C-alpha cells in the first residue's frame, strides 16, 4: 500500500488547509486539489534538520541517503539547518560526507556561525566572552566580534553560549558575574537536549543556558531554531521564497514551528506509528506533512 494512502487523513489535512500569497511572509497560492506528492515536488529547496533527522550520533538515519539522492536527482537544492553550536559548517559537512551524503560547507546553516551573525546584525561588533568550542570562538571572530578569555577581568559587552563540554561551576560563576555587570546574554540555541546514538539524550546548550538564566534572573536571546534567523540565512543561500521550500525535522517545537513561522512547508518526522500519525494532525497544526520517518518521505517522492 502506498504511503499516500496510509496517510489519507494527513493528505486531507494538508490539502484542505489553504494558503494565500503572503502567508507567513512568503506564502504562495496552494490548490485545495493538490496532492501531497505534487506539493512536495513543486518545492525548489529542501532543508533538513540533522540530529535526530539525518543522523543519530555517528549513525546515518534510515532513508537519509535515499531521500537526499532522490531530491538531488530531481534538481532540488538540499541544505541542512541545524542548531549544532559546537562544530563549524565545514566540520558538519565533512561528517555528512563520511555518512555518505554529498555536502559542502555552503550547504550547512549552523547555529555556530549563525549566533555570531545574529549578534552582529542586531548590535554590531561586540567584545564577547564565549562558552563553547573552538569552532564557536572562531566563528564569532569571523563575524567581526572581539573574543576575549573567560577569565578576562574586564566586563564584555556580551556573553555568548554554545554547547560547552567543559562547562563547570567556576565558568558559570564568572559568566553570571559579567551578566550582572551588564553583559548581554546571547545563546546559540535553546535545545535542552538532542537525540544521540542508541536513543541517548545528549545535554545541549539550552541546559547550560537554563543554569545561567536561573542565576541572573533574566532570559537569554537565542539565535537558533525556532527563532527566524537560521531559516532566513538558509533562504538566502539561493534567494528562495519560503513558500517554495520544505523544512524537514524531528523536533516539532523547533524545526516545524520555526519553519512554519518562516513561511515554509513543513514535514514532521514524528516517530509515531501509523495509527497515531493520522490522529496527530489536529494537535500539530504547524506540520503540513506528518510521517513516521524518512523512508516514508522517500516513498511519497516515488522512491
C-alpha atoms as a PDB file:
ATOM      1  CA  UNK A   1       0.000   0.000   0.000  1.00  0.00           C
ATOM      2  CA  UNK A   2       1.321   3.463  -0.891  1.00  0.00           C
ATOM      3  CA  UNK A   3       2.300   5.787   1.934  1.00  0.00           C
ATOM      4  CA  UNK A   4      -0.042   8.400   0.453  1.00  0.00           C
ATOM      5  CA  UNK A   5      -2.947   6.018   1.049  1.00  0.00           C
ATOM      6  CA  UNK A   6      -1.782   5.145   4.546  1.00  0.00           C
ATOM      7  CA  UNK A   7      -1.759   8.835   5.393  1.00  0.00           C
ATOM      8  CA  UNK A   8      -5.061   9.755   3.762  1.00  0.00           C
ATOM      9  CA  UNK A   9      -6.087  11.792   6.788  1.00  0.00           C
ATOM     10  CA  UNK A  10      -2.829  13.715   6.682  1.00  0.00           C
ATOM     11  CA  UNK A  11      -3.284  14.303   2.966  1.00  0.00           C
ATOM     12  CA  UNK A  12      -6.711  15.722   3.631  1.00  0.00           C
ATOM     13  CA  UNK A  13      -5.320  17.971   6.350  1.00  0.00           C
ATOM     14  CA  UNK A  14      -2.541  19.037   4.013  1.00  0.00           C
ATOM     15  CA  UNK A  15      -4.819  19.947   1.127  1.00  0.00           C
ATOM     16  CA  UNK A  16      -7.788  21.478   2.918  1.00  0.00           C
ATOM     17  CA  UNK A  17      -5.512  23.887   4.747  1.00  0.00           C
ATOM     18  CA  UNK A  18      -5.435  26.710   2.169  1.00  0.00           C
ATOM     19  CA  UNK A  19      -2.725  29.312   1.935  1.00  0.00           C
ATOM     20  CA  UNK A  20      -2.618  32.570   0.056  1.00  0.00           C
ATOM     21  CA  UNK A  21       0.134  34.776  -1.274  1.00  0.00           C
ATOM     22  CA  UNK A  22       1.915  36.431   1.616  1.00  0.00           C
ATOM     23  CA  UNK A  23       1.045  33.850   4.289  1.00  0.00           C
ATOM     24  CA  UNK A  24       3.916  33.547   6.747  1.00  0.00           C
ATOM     25  CA  UNK A  25       5.603  36.440   4.980  1.00  0.00           C
ATOM     26  CA  UNK A  26       6.483  34.413   1.891  1.00  0.00           C
ATOM     27  CA  UNK A  27       3.444  32.274   1.183  1.00  0.00           C
ATOM     28  CA  UNK A  28       2.038  31.194  -2.165  1.00  0.00           C
ATOM     29  CA  UNK A  29      -1.274  30.081  -3.604  1.00  0.00           C
ATOM     30  CA  UNK A  30      -1.904  26.407  -2.926  1.00  0.00           C
ATOM     31  CA  UNK A  31      -4.628  24.440  -4.682  1.00  0.00           C
ATOM     32  CA  UNK A  32      -7.052  22.513  -2.495  1.00  0.00           C
ATOM     33  CA  UNK A  33      -6.865  19.696  -5.052  1.00  0.00           C
ATOM     34  CA  UNK A  34      -3.084  19.439  -4.984  1.00  0.00           C
ATOM     35  CA  UNK A  35      -1.833  16.111  -3.625  1.00  0.00           C
ATOM     36  CA  UNK A  36       0.968  15.711  -1.112  1.00  0.00           C
ATOM     37  CA  UNK A  37       3.283  14.450  -3.839  1.00  0.00           C
ATOM     38  CA  UNK A  38       2.525  17.383  -6.152  1.00  0.00           C
ATOM     39  CA  UNK A  39       3.006  19.938  -3.415  1.00  0.00           C
ATOM     40  CA  UNK A  40       6.306  18.450  -2.284  1.00  0.00           C
ATOM     41  CA  UNK A  41       7.654  18.177  -5.821  1.00  0.00           C
ATOM     42  CA  UNK A  42       6.787  21.809  -6.503  1.00  0.00           C
ATOM     43  CA  UNK A  43       9.233  22.927  -3.802  1.00  0.00           C
ATOM     44  CA  UNK A  44      12.591  24.177  -5.057  1.00  0.00           C
ATOM     45  CA  UNK A  45      14.622  23.588  -1.918  1.00  0.00           C
ATOM     46  CA  UNK A  46      14.540  21.131   0.949  1.00  0.00           C
ATOM     47  CA  UNK A  47      16.064  21.937   4.328  1.00  0.00           C
ATOM     48  CA  UNK A  48      16.803  19.127   6.765  1.00  0.00           C
ATOM     49  CA  UNK A  49      17.497  19.138  10.470  1.00  0.00           C
ATOM     50  CA  UNK A  50      20.448  16.918  11.389  1.00  0.00           C
ATOM     51  CA  UNK A  51      20.493  15.366  14.898  1.00  0.00           C
ATOM     52  CA  UNK A  52      17.506  13.055  15.139  1.00  0.00           C
ATOM     53  CA  UNK A  53      16.598  13.502  11.475  1.00  0.00           C
ATOM     54  CA  UNK A  54      19.521  12.849   9.112  1.00  0.00           C
ATOM     55  CA  UNK A  55      21.661  11.083  11.693  1.00  0.00           C
ATOM     56  CA  UNK A  56      21.681   9.801  15.260  1.00  0.00           C
ATOM     57  CA  UNK A  57      25.119  10.494  16.667  1.00  0.00           C
ATOM     58  CA  UNK A  58      27.539   8.876  14.233  1.00  0.00           C
ATOM     59  CA  UNK A  59      24.909   6.663  12.564  1.00  0.00           C
ATOM     60  CA  UNK A  60      23.072   7.781   9.423  1.00  0.00           C
ATOM     61  CA  UNK A  61      19.278   7.697   9.722  1.00  0.00           C
ATOM     62  CA  UNK A  62      17.409   5.087   7.677  1.00  0.00           C
ATOM     63  CA  UNK A  63      16.282   6.605   4.394  1.00  0.00           C
ATOM     64  CA  UNK A  64      18.510   9.688   4.624  1.00  0.00           C
ATOM     65  CA  UNK A  65      20.808   8.796   1.727  1.00  0.00           C
ATOM     66  CA  UNK A  66      17.872   7.720  -0.427  1.00  0.00           C
ATOM     67  CA  UNK A  67      15.783  10.865   0.168  1.00  0.00           C
ATOM     68  CA  UNK A  68      18.696  13.222  -0.453  1.00  0.00           C
ATOM     69  CA  UNK A  69      19.758  11.343  -3.604  1.00  0.00           C
ATOM     70  CA  UNK A  70      16.177  11.347  -4.907  1.00  0.00           C
ATOM     71  CA  UNK A  71      15.838  15.101  -4.409  1.00  0.00           C
ATOM     72  CA  UNK A  72      19.218  15.931  -5.922  1.00  0.00           C
ATOM     73  CA  UNK A  73      18.478  13.738  -8.947  1.00  0.00           C
ATOM     74  CA  UNK A  74      15.284  15.754  -9.465  1.00  0.00           C
ATOM     75  CA  UNK A  75      17.248  19.016  -9.447  1.00  0.00           C
ATOM     76  CA  UNK A  76      16.133  20.129  -5.984  1.00  0.00           C
ATOM     77  CA  UNK A  77      18.517  22.025  -3.730  1.00  0.00           C
ATOM     78  CA  UNK A  78      19.230  20.207  -0.470  1.00  0.00           C
ATOM     79  CA  UNK A  79      20.662  22.028   2.543  1.00  0.00           C
ATOM     80  CA  UNK A  80      20.868  21.459   6.281  1.00  0.00           C
ATOM     81  CA  UNK A  81      19.670  23.788   9.045  1.00  0.00           C
ATOM     82  CA  UNK A  82      20.982  22.761  12.429  1.00  0.00           C
ATOM     83  CA  UNK A  83      21.150  24.074  15.984  1.00  0.00           C
ATOM     84  CA  UNK A  84      24.593  22.478  16.278  1.00  0.00           C
ATOM     85  CA  UNK A  85      26.722  25.115  18.001  1.00  0.00           C
ATOM     86  CA  UNK A  86      29.826  23.025  18.615  1.00  0.00           C
ATOM     87  CA  UNK A  87      31.021  22.396  15.059  1.00  0.00           C
ATOM     88  CA  UNK A  88      31.610  24.660  12.092  1.00  0.00           C
ATOM     89  CA  UNK A  89      29.667  24.292   8.852  1.00  0.00           C
ATOM     90  CA  UNK A  90      32.800  22.816   7.262  1.00  0.00           C
ATOM     91  CA  UNK A  91      33.143  20.237  10.050  1.00  0.00           C
ATOM     92  CA  UNK A  92      29.478  19.308   9.786  1.00  0.00           C
ATOM     93  CA  UNK A  93      29.725  18.922   6.014  1.00  0.00           C
ATOM     94  CA  UNK A  94      32.736  16.639   6.449  1.00  0.00           C
ATOM     95  CA  UNK A  95      30.743  14.465   8.857  1.00  0.00           C
ATOM     96  CA  UNK A  96      27.873  14.258   6.373  1.00  0.00           C
ATOM     97  CA  UNK A  97      30.232  13.171   3.616  1.00  0.00           C
ATOM     98  CA  UNK A  98      31.543  10.495   5.971  1.00  0.00           C
ATOM     99  CA  UNK A  99      27.955   9.269   6.327  1.00  0.00           C
ATOM    100  CA  UNK A 100      27.621   9.008   2.557  1.00  0.00           C
ATOM    101  CA  UNK A 101      25.790  12.295   1.958  1.00  0.00           C
ATOM    102  CA  UNK A 102      27.172  14.819  -0.518  1.00  0.00           C
ATOM    103  CA  UNK A 103      27.619  18.111   1.335  1.00  0.00           C
ATOM    104  CA  UNK A 104      29.813  21.192   1.312  1.00  0.00           C
ATOM    105  CA  UNK A 105      30.135  23.917   3.926  1.00  0.00           C
ATOM    106  CA  UNK A 106      27.838  26.192   1.910  1.00  0.00           C
ATOM    107  CA  UNK A 107      25.077  23.577   2.222  1.00  0.00           C
ATOM    108  CA  UNK A 108      25.042  23.896   6.024  1.00  0.00           C
ATOM    109  CA  UNK A 109      23.443  26.648   8.116  1.00  0.00           C
ATOM    110  CA  UNK A 110      24.554  26.058  11.693  1.00  0.00           C
ATOM    111  CA  UNK A 111      23.978  27.915  14.939  1.00  0.00           C
ATOM    112  CA  UNK A 112      27.776  28.007  15.339  1.00  0.00           C
ATOM    113  CA  UNK A 113      28.078  30.656  12.646  1.00  0.00           C
ATOM    114  CA  UNK A 114      24.504  31.889  12.989  1.00  0.00           C
ATOM    115  CA  UNK A 115      24.852  33.247  16.523  1.00  0.00           C
ATOM    116  CA  UNK A 116      27.763  35.493  15.554  1.00  0.00           C
ATOM    117  CA  UNK A 117      25.900  36.819  12.542  1.00  0.00           C
ATOM    118  CA  UNK A 118      22.765  37.414  14.593  1.00  0.00           C
ATOM    119  CA  UNK A 119      24.710  39.350  17.253  1.00  0.00           C
ATOM    120  CA  UNK A 120      26.464  41.467  14.626  1.00  0.00           C
ATOM    121  CA  UNK A 121      23.228  42.274  12.798  1.00  0.00           C
ATOM    122  CA  UNK A 122      21.498  43.326  15.994  1.00  0.00           C
ATOM    123  CA  UNK A 123      24.292  45.015  17.930  1.00  0.00           C
ATOM    124  CA  UNK A 124      27.273  45.477  15.606  1.00  0.00           C
ATOM    125  CA  UNK A 125      30.713  44.188  16.528  1.00  0.00           C
ATOM    126  CA  UNK A 126      30.935  43.259  20.209  1.00  0.00           C
ATOM    127  CA  UNK A 127      33.544  42.370  22.778  1.00  0.00           C
ATOM    128  CA  UNK A 128      32.402  38.903  23.831  1.00  0.00           C
ATOM    129  CA  UNK A 129      33.193  36.010  26.123  1.00  0.00           C
ATOM    130  CA  UNK A 130      32.228  32.661  24.655  1.00  0.00           C
ATOM    131  CA  UNK A 131      31.328  29.486  26.495  1.00  0.00           C
ATOM    132  CA  UNK A 132      31.719  26.838  23.841  1.00  0.00           C
ATOM    133  CA  UNK A 133      34.020  25.198  21.353  1.00  0.00           C
ATOM    134  CA  UNK A 134      36.998  26.495  19.418  1.00  0.00           C
ATOM    135  CA  UNK A 135      34.754  26.471  16.341  1.00  0.00           C
ATOM    136  CA  UNK A 136      32.286  28.802  18.088  1.00  0.00           C
ATOM    137  CA  UNK A 137      35.029  31.220  19.092  1.00  0.00           C
ATOM    138  CA  UNK A 138      36.451  31.171  15.556  1.00  0.00           C
ATOM    139  CA  UNK A 139      33.001  31.830  14.085  1.00  0.00           C
ATOM    140  CA  UNK A 140      32.427  34.775  16.422  1.00  0.00           C
ATOM    141  CA  UNK A 141      35.767  36.277  15.420  1.00  0.00           C
ATOM    142  CA  UNK A 142      34.982  35.700  11.733  1.00  0.00           C
ATOM    143  CA  UNK A 143      31.700  37.578  12.244  1.00  0.00           C
ATOM    144  CA  UNK A 144      33.662  40.611  13.411  1.00  0.00           C
ATOM    145  CA  UNK A 145      33.496  40.262  17.192  1.00  0.00           C
ATOM    146  CA  UNK A 146      36.423  40.564  19.595  1.00  0.00           C
ATOM    147  CA  UNK A 147      36.594  37.331  21.562  1.00  0.00           C
ATOM    148  CA  UNK A 148      38.269  37.551  24.964  1.00  0.00           C
ATOM    149  CA  UNK A 149      39.073  34.864  27.510  1.00  0.00           C
ATOM    150  CA  UNK A 150      36.568  33.715  30.105  1.00  0.00           C
ATOM    151  CA  UNK A 151      38.894  34.852  32.904  1.00  0.00           C
ATOM    152  CA  UNK A 152      39.440  38.342  31.457  1.00  0.00           C
ATOM    153  CA  UNK A 153      38.720  40.799  34.271  1.00  0.00           C
ATOM    154  CA  UNK A 154      37.133  43.418  32.036  1.00  0.00           C
ATOM    155  CA  UNK A 155      33.392  43.034  31.582  1.00  0.00           C
ATOM    156  CA  UNK A 156      32.476  42.050  27.990  1.00  0.00           C
ATOM    157  CA  UNK A 157      29.600  43.537  26.068  1.00  0.00           C
ATOM    158  CA  UNK A 158      28.071  40.096  25.623  1.00  0.00           C
ATOM    159  CA  UNK A 159      28.341  36.533  26.849  1.00  0.00           C
ATOM    160  CA  UNK A 160      27.720  34.018  24.049  1.00  0.00           C
ATOM    161  CA  UNK A 161      26.839  30.434  25.000  1.00  0.00           C
ATOM    162  CA  UNK A 162      27.040  27.352  22.805  1.00  0.00           C
ATOM    163  CA  UNK A 163      27.423  23.672  23.574  1.00  0.00           C
ATOM    164  CA  UNK A 164      30.329  23.664  26.014  1.00  0.00           C
ATOM    165  CA  UNK A 165      31.599  20.280  27.151  1.00  0.00           C
ATOM    166  CA  UNK A 166      33.998  21.969  29.566  1.00  0.00           C
ATOM    167  CA  UNK A 167      31.238  23.893  31.346  1.00  0.00           C
ATOM    168  CA  UNK A 168      31.817  23.952  35.111  1.00  0.00           C
ATOM    169  CA  UNK A 169      30.798  25.875  38.211  1.00  0.00           C
ATOM    170  CA  UNK A 170      33.742  28.293  38.019  1.00  0.00           C
ATOM    171  CA  UNK A 171      32.811  29.240  34.450  1.00  0.00           C
ATOM    172  CA  UNK A 172      29.163  29.619  35.423  1.00  0.00           C
ATOM    173  CA  UNK A 173      30.113  31.954  38.284  1.00  0.00           C
ATOM    174  CA  UNK A 174      32.329  34.059  36.020  1.00  0.00           C
ATOM    175  CA  UNK A 175      29.655  34.452  33.340  1.00  0.00           C
ATOM    176  CA  UNK A 176      26.950  35.248  35.883  1.00  0.00           C
ATOM    177  CA  UNK A 177      29.156  37.999  37.312  1.00  0.00           C
ATOM    178  CA  UNK A 178      29.673  39.515  33.848  1.00  0.00           C
ATOM    179  CA  UNK A 179      25.963  39.455  33.042  1.00  0.00           C
ATOM    180  CA  UNK A 180      25.147  41.045  36.403  1.00  0.00           C
ATOM    181  CA  UNK A 181      27.628  43.783  35.448  1.00  0.00           C
ATOM    182  CA  UNK A 182      25.744  44.493  32.224  1.00  0.00           C
ATOM    183  CA  UNK A 183      26.840  41.978  29.581  1.00  0.00           C
ATOM    184  CA  UNK A 184      24.136  40.735  27.225  1.00  0.00           C
ATOM    185  CA  UNK A 185      23.307  37.020  27.344  1.00  0.00           C
ATOM    186  CA  UNK A 186      23.121  35.558  23.831  1.00  0.00           C
ATOM    187  CA  UNK A 187      22.806  31.835  23.213  1.00  0.00           C
ATOM    188  CA  UNK A 188      23.183  29.754  20.081  1.00  0.00           C
ATOM    189  CA  UNK A 189      20.077  27.662  20.708  1.00  0.00           C
ATOM    190  CA  UNK A 190      17.517  26.774  23.349  1.00  0.00           C
ATOM    191  CA  UNK A 191      17.511  22.968  22.966  1.00  0.00           C
ATOM    192  CA  UNK A 192      17.855  21.261  26.357  1.00  0.00           C
ATOM    193  CA  UNK A 193      18.980  18.014  24.645  1.00  0.00           C
ATOM    194  CA  UNK A 194      19.211  16.272  21.284  1.00  0.00           C
ATOM    195  CA  UNK A 195      18.839  12.614  20.245  1.00  0.00           C
ATOM    196  CA  UNK A 196      22.063  10.623  20.213  1.00  0.00           C
ATOM    197  CA  UNK A 197      23.093   7.104  19.282  1.00  0.00           C
ATOM    198  CA  UNK A 198      21.054   4.246  20.726  1.00  0.00           C
ATOM    199  CA  UNK A 199      18.266   6.512  21.926  1.00  0.00           C
ATOM    200  CA  UNK A 200      20.518   8.520  24.260  1.00  0.00           C
ATOM    201  CA  UNK A 201      19.509  12.050  25.258  1.00  0.00           C
ATOM    202  CA  UNK A 202      22.543  14.339  24.839  1.00  0.00           C
ATOM    203  CA  UNK A 203      22.536  17.509  27.017  1.00  0.00           C
ATOM    204  CA  UNK A 204      22.528  20.633  24.894  1.00  0.00           C
ATOM    205  CA  UNK A 205      23.148  24.379  25.016  1.00  0.00           C
ATOM    206  CA  UNK A 206      19.734  25.127  26.487  1.00  0.00           C
ATOM    207  CA  UNK A 207      20.534  23.121  29.598  1.00  0.00           C
ATOM    208  CA  UNK A 208      23.597  25.293  30.234  1.00  0.00           C
ATOM    209  CA  UNK A 209      21.708  28.490  29.464  1.00  0.00           C
ATOM    210  CA  UNK A 210      18.975  27.498  31.924  1.00  0.00           C
ATOM    211  CA  UNK A 211      21.535  27.479  34.739  1.00  0.00           C
ATOM    212  CA  UNK A 212      22.764  30.950  33.785  1.00  0.00           C
ATOM    213  CA  UNK A 213      19.220  32.313  33.462  1.00  0.00           C
ATOM    214  CA  UNK A 214      18.317  30.930  36.875  1.00  0.00           C
ATOM    215  CA  UNK A 215      21.313  32.618  38.454  1.00  0.00           C
ATOM    216  CA  UNK A 216      20.886  36.039  36.808  1.00  0.00           C
ATOM    217  CA  UNK A 217      17.081  36.166  36.801  1.00  0.00           C
ATOM    218  CA  UNK A 218      16.926  37.146  33.117  1.00  0.00           C
ATOM    219  CA  UNK A 219      16.222  35.447  29.797  1.00  0.00           C
ATOM    220  CA  UNK A 220      18.753  34.853  27.053  1.00  0.00           C
ATOM    221  CA  UNK A 221      18.401  35.865  23.423  1.00  0.00           C
ATOM    222  CA  UNK A 222      18.537  32.872  21.076  1.00  0.00           C
ATOM    223  CA  UNK A 223      19.826  32.733  17.510  1.00  0.00           C
ATOM    224  CA  UNK A 224      18.855  29.150  16.646  1.00  0.00           C
ATOM    225  CA  UNK A 225      15.611  27.408  15.722  1.00  0.00           C
ATOM    226  CA  UNK A 226      12.727  28.090  16.280  1.00  0.00           C
ATOM    227  CA  UNK A 227      13.781  31.740  16.058  1.00  0.00           C
ATOM    228  CA  UNK A 228      13.660  33.041  12.465  1.00  0.00           C
ATOM    229  CA  UNK A 229      17.344  33.771  11.933  1.00  0.00           C
ATOM    230  CA  UNK A 230      18.721  30.410  10.745  1.00  0.00           C
ATOM    231  CA  UNK A 231      15.709  29.923   8.469  1.00  0.00           C
ATOM    232  CA  UNK A 232      16.334  33.334   6.919  1.00  0.00           C
ATOM    233  CA  UNK A 233      20.011  32.561   6.392  1.00  0.00           C
ATOM    234  CA  UNK A 234      19.022  29.273   4.719  1.00  0.00           C
ATOM    235  CA  UNK A 235      16.625  31.016   2.340  1.00  0.00           C
ATOM    236  CA  UNK A 236      19.361  33.469   1.415  1.00  0.00           C
ATOM    237  CA  UNK A 237      21.539  30.603   0.154  1.00  0.00           C
ATOM    238  CA  UNK A 238      19.574  30.541  -3.081  1.00  0.00           C
ATOM    239  CA  UNK A 239      17.319  33.565  -2.841  1.00  0.00           C
ATOM    240  CA  UNK A 240      14.277  31.300  -2.441  1.00  0.00           C
ATOM    241  CA  UNK A 241      10.796  32.279  -1.373  1.00  0.00           C
ATOM    242  CA  UNK A 242       9.867  30.475   1.826  1.00  0.00           C
ATOM    243  CA  UNK A 243       6.652  29.102   0.335  1.00  0.00           C
ATOM    244  CA  UNK A 244       8.720  27.175  -2.225  1.00  0.00           C
ATOM    245  CA  UNK A 245      10.785  25.403   0.434  1.00  0.00           C
ATOM    246  CA  UNK A 246      10.252  22.432   2.751  1.00  0.00           C
ATOM    247  CA  UNK A 247      11.667  22.173   6.271  1.00  0.00           C
ATOM    248  CA  UNK A 248      12.047  18.578   7.479  1.00  0.00           C
ATOM    249  CA  UNK A 249      12.816  17.695  11.079  1.00  0.00           C
ATOM    250  CA  UNK A 250      12.049  15.566  14.100  1.00  0.00           C
ATOM    251  CA  UNK A 251      11.640  18.330  16.674  1.00  0.00           C
ATOM    252  CA  UNK A 252       8.153  19.765  16.350  1.00  0.00           C
ATOM    253  CA  UNK A 253       8.868  22.730  18.624  1.00  0.00           C
ATOM    254  CA  UNK A 254      11.967  23.905  16.752  1.00  0.00           C
ATOM    255  CA  UNK A 255      12.023  22.536  13.197  1.00  0.00           C
ATOM    256  CA  UNK A 256       8.306  22.550  12.464  1.00  0.00           C
ATOM    257  CA  UNK A 257       7.023  25.509  14.459  1.00  0.00           C
ATOM    258  CA  UNK A 258      10.022  27.592  13.371  1.00  0.00           C
ATOM    259  CA  UNK A 259       9.793  26.532   9.738  1.00  0.00           C
ATOM    260  CA  UNK A 260       6.079  27.333   9.590  1.00  0.00           C
ATOM    261  CA  UNK A 261       6.609  30.756  11.194  1.00  0.00           C
ATOM    262  CA  UNK A 262       9.214  31.409   8.491  1.00  0.00           C
ATOM    263  CA  UNK A 263       6.568  30.632   5.861  1.00  0.00           C
ATOM    264  CA  UNK A 264       7.925  27.253   4.761  1.00  0.00           C
ATOM    265  CA  UNK A 265       6.153  23.994   4.088  1.00  0.00           C
ATOM    266  CA  UNK A 266       6.920  21.578   6.905  1.00  0.00           C
ATOM    267  CA  UNK A 267       7.364  17.810   7.195  1.00  0.00           C
ATOM    268  CA  UNK A 268       7.500  16.390  10.714  1.00  0.00           C
ATOM    269  CA  UNK A 269       9.392  13.141  11.318  1.00  0.00           C
ATOM    270  CA  UNK A 270       7.194  12.239  14.247  1.00  0.00           C
ATOM    271  CA  UNK A 271       8.456   8.765  15.121  1.00  0.00           C
ATOM    272  CA  UNK A 272       4.802   7.831  15.665  1.00  0.00           C
ATOM    273  CA  UNK A 273       3.324   4.563  14.466  1.00  0.00           C
ATOM    274  CA  UNK A 274       0.898   4.583  11.549  1.00  0.00           C
ATOM    275  CA  UNK A 275      -2.255   4.644  13.641  1.00  0.00           C
ATOM    276  CA  UNK A 276      -1.060   7.673  15.626  1.00  0.00           C
ATOM    277  CA  UNK A 277       0.175   9.673  12.626  1.00  0.00           C
ATOM    278  CA  UNK A 278      -3.277  10.454  11.241  1.00  0.00           C
ATOM    279  CA  UNK A 279      -4.806  11.306  14.623  1.00  0.00           C
ATOM    280  CA  UNK A 280      -1.955  13.717  15.459  1.00  0.00           C
ATOM    281  CA  UNK A 281      -2.733  16.142  12.631  1.00  0.00           C
ATOM    282  CA  UNK A 282      -5.229  18.319  14.524  1.00  0.00           C
ATOM    283  CA  UNK A 283      -2.962  18.635  17.566  1.00  0.00           C
ATOM    284  CA  UNK A 284       0.075  19.622  15.482  1.00  0.00           C
ATOM    285  CA  UNK A 285      -1.260  22.329  13.154  1.00  0.00           C
ATOM    286  CA  UNK A 286       2.142  23.641  12.037  1.00  0.00           C
ATOM    287  CA  UNK A 287       3.041  20.334  10.361  1.00  0.00           C
ATOM    288  CA  UNK A 288       1.916  20.264   6.738  1.00  0.00           C
ATOM    289  CA  UNK A 289       3.001  16.638   6.489  1.00  0.00           C
ATOM    290  CA  UNK A 290       3.316  14.167   9.355  1.00  0.00           C
ATOM    291  CA  UNK A 291       5.190  10.924   8.747  1.00  0.00           C
ATOM    292  CA  UNK A 292       6.977   8.409  10.898  1.00  0.00           C
ATOM    293  CA  UNK A 293      10.470   8.720   9.434  1.00  0.00           C
ATOM    294  CA  UNK A 294      12.463   9.489   6.275  1.00  0.00           C
ATOM    295  CA  UNK A 295      11.622   6.270   4.381  1.00  0.00           C
ATOM    296  CA  UNK A 296       8.001   7.460   4.333  1.00  0.00           C
ATOM    297  CA  UNK A 297       9.055  10.680   2.583  1.00  0.00           C
ATOM    298  CA  UNK A 298      11.150   8.671   0.131  1.00  0.00           C
ATOM    299  CA  UNK A 299       8.051   6.641  -0.711  1.00  0.00           C
ATOM    300  CA  UNK A 300       5.931   9.778  -1.131  1.00  0.00           C
ATOM    301  CA  UNK A 301       8.526  11.083  -3.588  1.00  0.00           C
ATOM    302  CA  UNK A 302       8.144   7.953  -5.678  1.00  0.00           C
ATOM    303  CA  UNK A 303      11.126   6.031  -4.330  1.00  0.00           C
END
